[in-house]
Amino acid sequence: MKQTNQILKPRQKLSLGDLIFAVSSCTKNTKETVAAVADLLGSGQVRLESNGHFTRARVC
């Protein structure tokens, strides 16, 4: 994985695009980025929120 100086504060409200950007700055290629984001969503470490309600992410 690439070294980066970007540090995100916990519990910060970020968009899905922000998550993908942060993960892609630490991965080698797009396949690794997709796998890491899918793992974060699937494990529950990251939750998606829509209009104040948490939505379930379906990782296929």
PDB file of N, CA and C in Angstrom:
ATOM      1  N   MET A   1       0.831  -1.181   0.000  1.00  0.00           N
ATOM      2  CA  MET A   1       0.000   0.000   0.000  1.00  0.00           C
ATOM      3  C   MET A   1       0.879   1.249   0.000  1.00  0.00           C
ATOM      4  N   LYS A   2       0.396   2.304  -0.637  1.00  0.00           N
ATOM      5  CA  LYS A   2       1.125   3.561  -0.667  1.00  0.00           C
ATOM      6  C   LYS A   2       1.060   4.248   0.690  1.00  0.00           C
ATOM      7  N   GLN A   3       2.106   4.982   1.022  1.00  0.00           N
ATOM      8  CA  GLN A   3       2.109   5.780   2.237  1.00  0.00           C
ATOM      9  C   GLN A   3       1.436   7.111   1.956  1.00  0.00           C
ATOM     10  N   THR A   4       0.643   7.594   2.893  1.00  0.00           N
ATOM     11  CA  THR A   4      -0.055   8.855   2.704  1.00  0.00           C
ATOM     12  C   THR A   4      -0.102   9.622   4.019  1.00  0.00           C
ATOM     13  N   ASN A   5      -0.210  10.909   3.931  1.00  0.00           N
ATOM     14  CA  ASN A   5      -0.295  11.745   5.113  1.00  0.00           C
ATOM     15  C   ASN A   5      -1.725  12.133   5.437  1.00  0.00           C
ATOM     16  N   GLN A   6      -2.688  11.662   4.647  1.00  0.00           N
ATOM     17  CA  GLN A   6      -4.080  12.016   4.843  1.00  0.00           C
ATOM     18  C   GLN A   6      -4.648  11.252   6.034  1.00  0.00           C
ATOM     19  N   ILE A   7      -5.165  11.970   7.008  1.00  0.00           N
ATOM     20  CA  ILE A   7      -5.751  11.357   8.192  1.00  0.00           C
ATOM     21  C   ILE A   7      -7.178  11.884   8.326  1.00  0.00           C
ATOM     22  N   LEU A   8      -8.130  10.961   8.435  1.00  0.00           N
ATOM     23  CA  LEU A   8      -9.532  11.346   8.575  1.00  0.00           C
ATOM     24  C   LEU A   8      -9.945  11.212  10.031  1.00  0.00           C
ATOM     25  N   LYS A   9     -10.703  12.174  10.516  1.00  0.00           N
ATOM     26  CA  LYS A   9     -11.190  12.132  11.886  1.00  0.00           C
ATOM     27  C   LYS A   9     -12.348  11.136  11.973  1.00  0.00           C
ATOM     28  N   PRO A  10     -12.434  10.380  13.061  1.00  0.00           N
ATOM     29  CA  PRO A  10     -13.548   9.444  13.199  1.00  0.00           C
ATOM     30  C   PRO A  10     -14.875  10.186  13.356  1.00  0.00           C
ATOM     31  N   ARG A  11     -15.942   9.550  12.921  1.00  0.00           N
ATOM     32  CA  ARG A  11     -17.309  10.071  13.023  1.00  0.00           C
ATOM     33  C   ARG A  11     -17.538  11.342  12.212  1.00  0.00           C
ATOM     34  N   GLN A  12     -16.685  11.593  11.268  1.00  0.00           N
ATOM     35  CA  GLN A  12     -16.861  12.766  10.423  1.00  0.00           C
ATOM     36  C   GLN A  12     -17.837  12.401   9.307  1.00  0.00           C
ATOM     37  N   LYS A  13     -18.735  13.318   8.968  1.00  0.00           N
ATOM     38  CA  LYS A  13     -19.711  13.059   7.906  1.00  0.00           C
ATOM     39  C   LYS A  13     -19.034  13.280   6.559  1.00  0.00           C
ATOM     40  N   LEU A  14     -18.821  12.203   5.835  1.00  0.00           N
ATOM     41  CA  LEU A  14     -18.180  12.256   4.528  1.00  0.00           C
ATOM     42  C   LEU A  14     -19.095  11.604   3.504  1.00  0.00           C
ATOM     43  N   SER A  15     -18.910  11.961   2.259  1.00  0.00           N
ATOM     44  CA  SER A  15     -19.699  11.345   1.192  1.00  0.00           C
ATOM     45  C   SER A  15     -19.044  10.033   0.763  1.00  0.00           C
ATOM     46  N   LEU A  16     -19.778   9.263  -0.011  1.00  0.00           N
ATOM     47  CA  LEU A  16     -19.229   8.024  -0.546  1.00  0.00           C
ATOM     48  C   LEU A  16     -18.034   8.326  -1.442  1.00  0.00           C
ATOM     49  N   GLY A  17     -18.112   9.422  -2.177  1.00  0.00           N
ATOM     50  CA  GLY A  17     -16.985   9.839  -3.016  1.00  0.00           C
ATOM     51  C   GLY A  17     -15.746  10.154  -2.197  1.00  0.00           C
ATOM     52  N   ASP A  18     -15.936  10.785  -1.026  1.00  0.00           N
ATOM     53  CA  ASP A  18     -14.813  11.058  -0.132  1.00  0.00           C
ATOM     54  C   ASP A  18     -14.174   9.763   0.352  1.00  0.00           C
ATOM     55  N   LEU A  19     -15.006   8.777   0.678  1.00  0.00           N
ATOM     56  CA  LEU A  19     -14.492   7.483   1.118  1.00  0.00           C
ATOM     57  C   LEU A  19     -13.678   6.826   0.018  1.00  0.00           C
ATOM     58  N   ILE A  20     -14.218   6.819  -1.193  1.00  0.00           N
ATOM     59  CA  ILE A  20     -13.520   6.194  -2.315  1.00  0.00           C
ATOM     60  C   ILE A  20     -12.206   6.919  -2.591  1.00  0.00           C
ATOM     61  N   PHE A  21     -12.214   8.251  -2.538  1.00  0.00           N
ATOM     62  CA  PHE A  21     -11.001   9.022  -2.759  1.00  0.00           C
ATOM     63  C   PHE A  21      -9.942   8.703  -1.700  1.00  0.00           C
ATOM     64  N   ALA A  22     -10.357   8.640  -0.430  1.00  0.00           N
ATOM     65  CA  ALA A  22      -9.419   8.350   0.657  1.00  0.00           C
ATOM     66  C   ALA A  22      -8.828   6.952   0.521  1.00  0.00           C
ATOM     67  N   VAL A  23      -9.662   5.986   0.185  1.00  0.00           N
ATOM     68  CA  VAL A  23      -9.174   4.613   0.034  1.00  0.00           C
ATOM     69  C   VAL A  23      -8.267   4.511  -1.188  1.00  0.00           C
ATOM     70  N   SER A  24      -8.639   5.154  -2.289  1.00  0.00           N
ATOM     71  CA  SER A  24      -7.831   5.048  -3.508  1.00  0.00           C
ATOM     72  C   SER A  24      -6.467   5.710  -3.357  1.00  0.00           C
ATOM     73  N   SER A  25      -6.351   6.660  -2.434  1.00  0.00           N
ATOM     74  CA  SER A  25      -5.051   7.284  -2.220  1.00  0.00           C
ATOM     75  C   SER A  25      -4.090   6.339  -1.496  1.00  0.00           C
ATOM     76  N   CYS A  26      -4.620   5.237  -0.956  1.00  0.00           N
ATOM     77  CA  CYS A  26      -3.791   4.278  -0.222  1.00  0.00           C
ATOM     78  C   CYS A  26      -3.658   2.930  -0.924  1.00  0.00           C
ATOM     79  N   THR A  27      -4.280   2.779  -2.087  1.00  0.00           N
ATOM     80  CA  THR A  27      -4.239   1.493  -2.781  1.00  0.00           C
ATOM     81  C   THR A  27      -3.482   1.603  -4.096  1.00  0.00           C
ATOM     82  N   LYS A  28      -3.109   0.440  -4.624  1.00  0.00           N
ATOM     83  CA  LYS A  28      -2.289   0.391  -5.838  1.00  0.00           C
ATOM     84  C   LYS A  28      -3.106   0.554  -7.118  1.00  0.00           C
ATOM     85  N   ASN A  29      -4.320  -0.001  -7.137  1.00  0.00           N
ATOM     86  CA  ASN A  29      -5.121   0.042  -8.362  1.00  0.00           C
ATOM     87  C   ASN A  29      -6.608   0.051  -8.020  1.00  0.00           C
ATOM     88  N   THR A  30      -7.433   0.145  -9.050  1.00  0.00           N
ATOM     89  CA  THR A  30      -8.876   0.262  -8.823  1.00  0.00           C
ATOM     90  C   THR A  30      -9.485  -1.017  -8.254  1.00  0.00           C
ATOM     91  N   LYS A  31      -8.958  -2.170  -8.619  1.00  0.00           N
ATOM     92  CA  LYS A  31      -9.493  -3.422  -8.074  1.00  0.00           C
ATOM     93  C   LYS A  31      -9.291  -3.489  -6.566  1.00  0.00           C
ATOM     94  N   GLU A  32      -8.134  -3.049  -6.118  1.00  0.00           N
ATOM     95  CA  GLU A  32      -7.848  -3.028  -4.691  1.00  0.00           C
ATOM     96  C   GLU A  32      -8.736  -1.996  -3.975  1.00  0.00           C
ATOM     97  N   THR A  33      -8.996  -0.876  -4.641  1.00  0.00           N
ATOM     98  CA  THR A  33      -9.869   0.154  -4.073  1.00  0.00           C
ATOM     99  C   THR A  33     -11.281  -0.391  -3.886  1.00  0.00           C
ATOM    100  N   VAL A  34     -11.811  -1.029  -4.910  1.00  0.00           N
ATOM    101  CA  VAL A  34     -13.166  -1.592  -4.844  1.00  0.00           C
ATOM    102  C   VAL A  34     -13.246  -2.648  -3.747  1.00  0.00           C
ATOM    103  N   ALA A  35     -12.234  -3.500  -3.659  1.00  0.00           N
ATOM    104  CA  ALA A  35     -12.224  -4.546  -2.645  1.00  0.00           C
ATOM    105  C   ALA A  35     -12.190  -3.946  -1.235  1.00  0.00           C
ATOM    106  N   ALA A  36     -11.381  -2.915  -1.041  1.00  0.00           N
ATOM    107  CA  ALA A  36     -11.275  -2.290   0.284  1.00  0.00           C
ATOM    108  C   ALA A  36     -12.566  -1.586   0.676  1.00  0.00           C
ATOM    109  N   VAL A  37     -13.178  -0.852  -0.258  1.00  0.00           N
ATOM    110  CA  VAL A  37     -14.444  -0.159   0.040  1.00  0.00           C
ATOM    111  C   VAL A  37     -15.547  -1.187   0.313  1.00  0.00           C
ATOM    112  N   ALA A  38     -15.589  -2.252  -0.479  1.00  0.00           N
ATOM    113  CA  ALA A  38     -16.592  -3.300  -0.262  1.00  0.00           C
ATOM    114  C   ALA A  38     -16.401  -3.949   1.097  1.00  0.00           C
ATOM    115  N   ASP A  39     -15.155  -4.166   1.506  1.00  0.00           N
ATOM    116  CA  ASP A  39     -14.884  -4.760   2.808  1.00  0.00           C
ATOM    117  C   ASP A  39     -15.318  -3.818   3.941  1.00  0.00           C
ATOM    118  N   LEU A  40     -15.039  -2.531   3.788  1.00  0.00           N
ATOM    119  CA  LEU A  40     -15.450  -1.559   4.812  1.00  0.00           C
ATOM    120  C   LEU A  40     -16.962  -1.518   4.963  1.00  0.00           C
ATOM    121  N   LEU A  41     -17.673  -1.528   3.847  1.00  0.00           N
ATOM    122  CA  LEU A  41     -19.133  -1.500   3.889  1.00  0.00           C
ATOM    123  C   LEU A  41     -19.703  -2.813   4.407  1.00  0.00           C
ATOM    124  N   GLY A  42     -19.143  -3.922   3.929  1.00  0.00           N
ATOM    125  CA  GLY A  42     -19.637  -5.235   4.328  1.00  0.00           C
ATOM    126  C   GLY A  42     -19.403  -5.554   5.793  1.00  0.00           C
ATOM    127  N   SER A  43     -18.300  -5.072   6.340  1.00  0.00           N
ATOM    128  CA  SER A  43     -17.967  -5.363   7.735  1.00  0.00           C
ATOM    129  C   SER A  43     -18.698  -4.449   8.712  1.00  0.00           C
ATOM    130  N   GLY A  44     -19.294  -3.378   8.212  1.00  0.00           N
ATOM    131  CA  GLY A  44     -20.013  -2.453   9.074  1.00  0.00           C
ATOM    132  C   GLY A  44     -19.133  -1.370   9.676  1.00  0.00           C
ATOM    133  N   GLN A  45     -17.859  -1.324   9.304  1.00  0.00           N
ATOM    134  CA  GLN A  45     -16.972  -0.280   9.804  1.00  0.00           C
ATOM    135  C   GLN A  45     -17.356   1.077   9.248  1.00  0.00           C
ATOM    136  N   VAL A  46     -18.004   1.073   8.078  1.00  0.00           N
ATOM    137  CA  VAL A  46     -18.494   2.294   7.441  1.00  0.00           C
ATOM    138  C   VAL A  46     -19.969   2.086   7.163  1.00  0.00           C
ATOM    139  N   ARG A  47     -20.778   3.082   7.506  1.00  0.00           N
ATOM    140  CA  ARG A  47     -22.215   2.993   7.253  1.00  0.00           C
ATOM    141  C   ARG A  47     -22.639   4.119   6.329  1.00  0.00           C
ATOM    142  N   LEU A  48     -23.610   3.825   5.478  1.00  0.00           N
ATOM    143  CA  LEU A  48     -24.149   4.820   4.560  1.00  0.00           C
ATOM    144  C   LEU A  48     -25.394   5.435   5.175  1.00  0.00           C
ATOM    145  N   GLU A  49     -25.527   6.739   5.025  1.00  0.00           N
ATOM    146  CA  GLU A  49     -26.677   7.449   5.579  1.00  0.00           C
ATOM    147  C   GLU A  49     -27.355   8.221   4.460  1.00  0.00           C
ATOM    148  N   SER A  50     -28.682   8.153   4.425  1.00  0.00           N
ATOM    149  CA  SER A  50     -29.456   8.871   3.430  1.00  0.00           C
ATOM    150  C   SER A  50     -30.598   9.583   4.132  1.00  0.00           C
ATOM    151  N   ASN A  51     -30.603  10.900   4.085  1.00  0.00           N
ATOM    152  CA  ASN A  51     -31.647  11.716   4.717  1.00  0.00           C
ATOM    153  C   ASN A  51     -31.814  11.395   6.206  1.00  0.00           C
ATOM    154  N   GLY A  52     -30.699  11.198   6.893  1.00  0.00           N
ATOM    155  CA  GLY A  52     -30.753  10.942   8.325  1.00  0.00           C
ATOM    156  C   GLY A  52     -31.002   9.511   8.709  1.00  0.00           C
ATOM    157  N   HIS A  53     -31.228   8.629   7.742  1.00  0.00           N
ATOM    158  CA  HIS A  53     -31.475   7.215   8.011  1.00  0.00           C
ATOM    159  C   HIS A  53     -30.316   6.393   7.458  1.00  0.00           C
ATOM    160  N   PHE A  54     -29.829   5.477   8.277  1.00  0.00           N
ATOM    161  CA  PHE A  54     -28.761   4.601   7.801  1.00  0.00           C
ATOM    162  C   PHE A  54     -29.345   3.593   6.831  1.00  0.00           C
ATOM    163  N   THR A  55     -28.661   3.401   5.723  1.00  0.00           N
ATOM    164  CA  THR A  55     -29.092   2.433   4.727  1.00  0.00           C
ATOM    165  C   THR A  55     -28.128   1.268   4.715  1.00  0.00           C
ATOM    166  N   ARG A  56     -28.642   0.131   4.377  1.00  0.00           N
ATOM    167  CA  ARG A  56     -27.818  -1.062   4.343  1.00  0.00           C
ATOM    168  C   ARG A  56     -27.104  -1.141   3.002  1.00  0.00           C
ATOM    169  N   ALA A  57     -25.809  -1.394   3.052  1.00  0.00           N
ATOM    170  CA  ALA A  57     -25.032  -1.540   1.826  1.00  0.00           C
ATOM    171  C   ALA A  57     -25.020  -2.999   1.446  1.00  0.00           C
ATOM    172  N   ARG A  58     -25.382  -3.277   0.233  1.00  0.00           N
ATOM    173  CA  ARG A  58     -25.367  -4.653  -0.251  1.00  0.00           C
ATOM    174  C   ARG A  58     -24.110  -4.842  -1.074  1.00  0.00           C
ATOM    175  N   VAL A  59     -23.230  -5.680  -0.593  1.00  0.00           N
ATOM    176  CA  VAL A  59     -21.963  -5.942  -1.278  1.00  0.00           C
ATOM    177  C   VAL A  59     -22.077  -7.284  -1.969  1.00  0.00           C
ATOM    178  N   CYS A  60     -21.993  -7.273  -3.292  1.00  0.00           N
ATOM    179  CA  CYS A  60     -22.134  -8.512  -4.075  1.00  0.00           C
ATOM    180  C   CYS A  60     -20.788  -9.000  -4.555  1.00  0.00           C
TER     181      CYS A  60
END
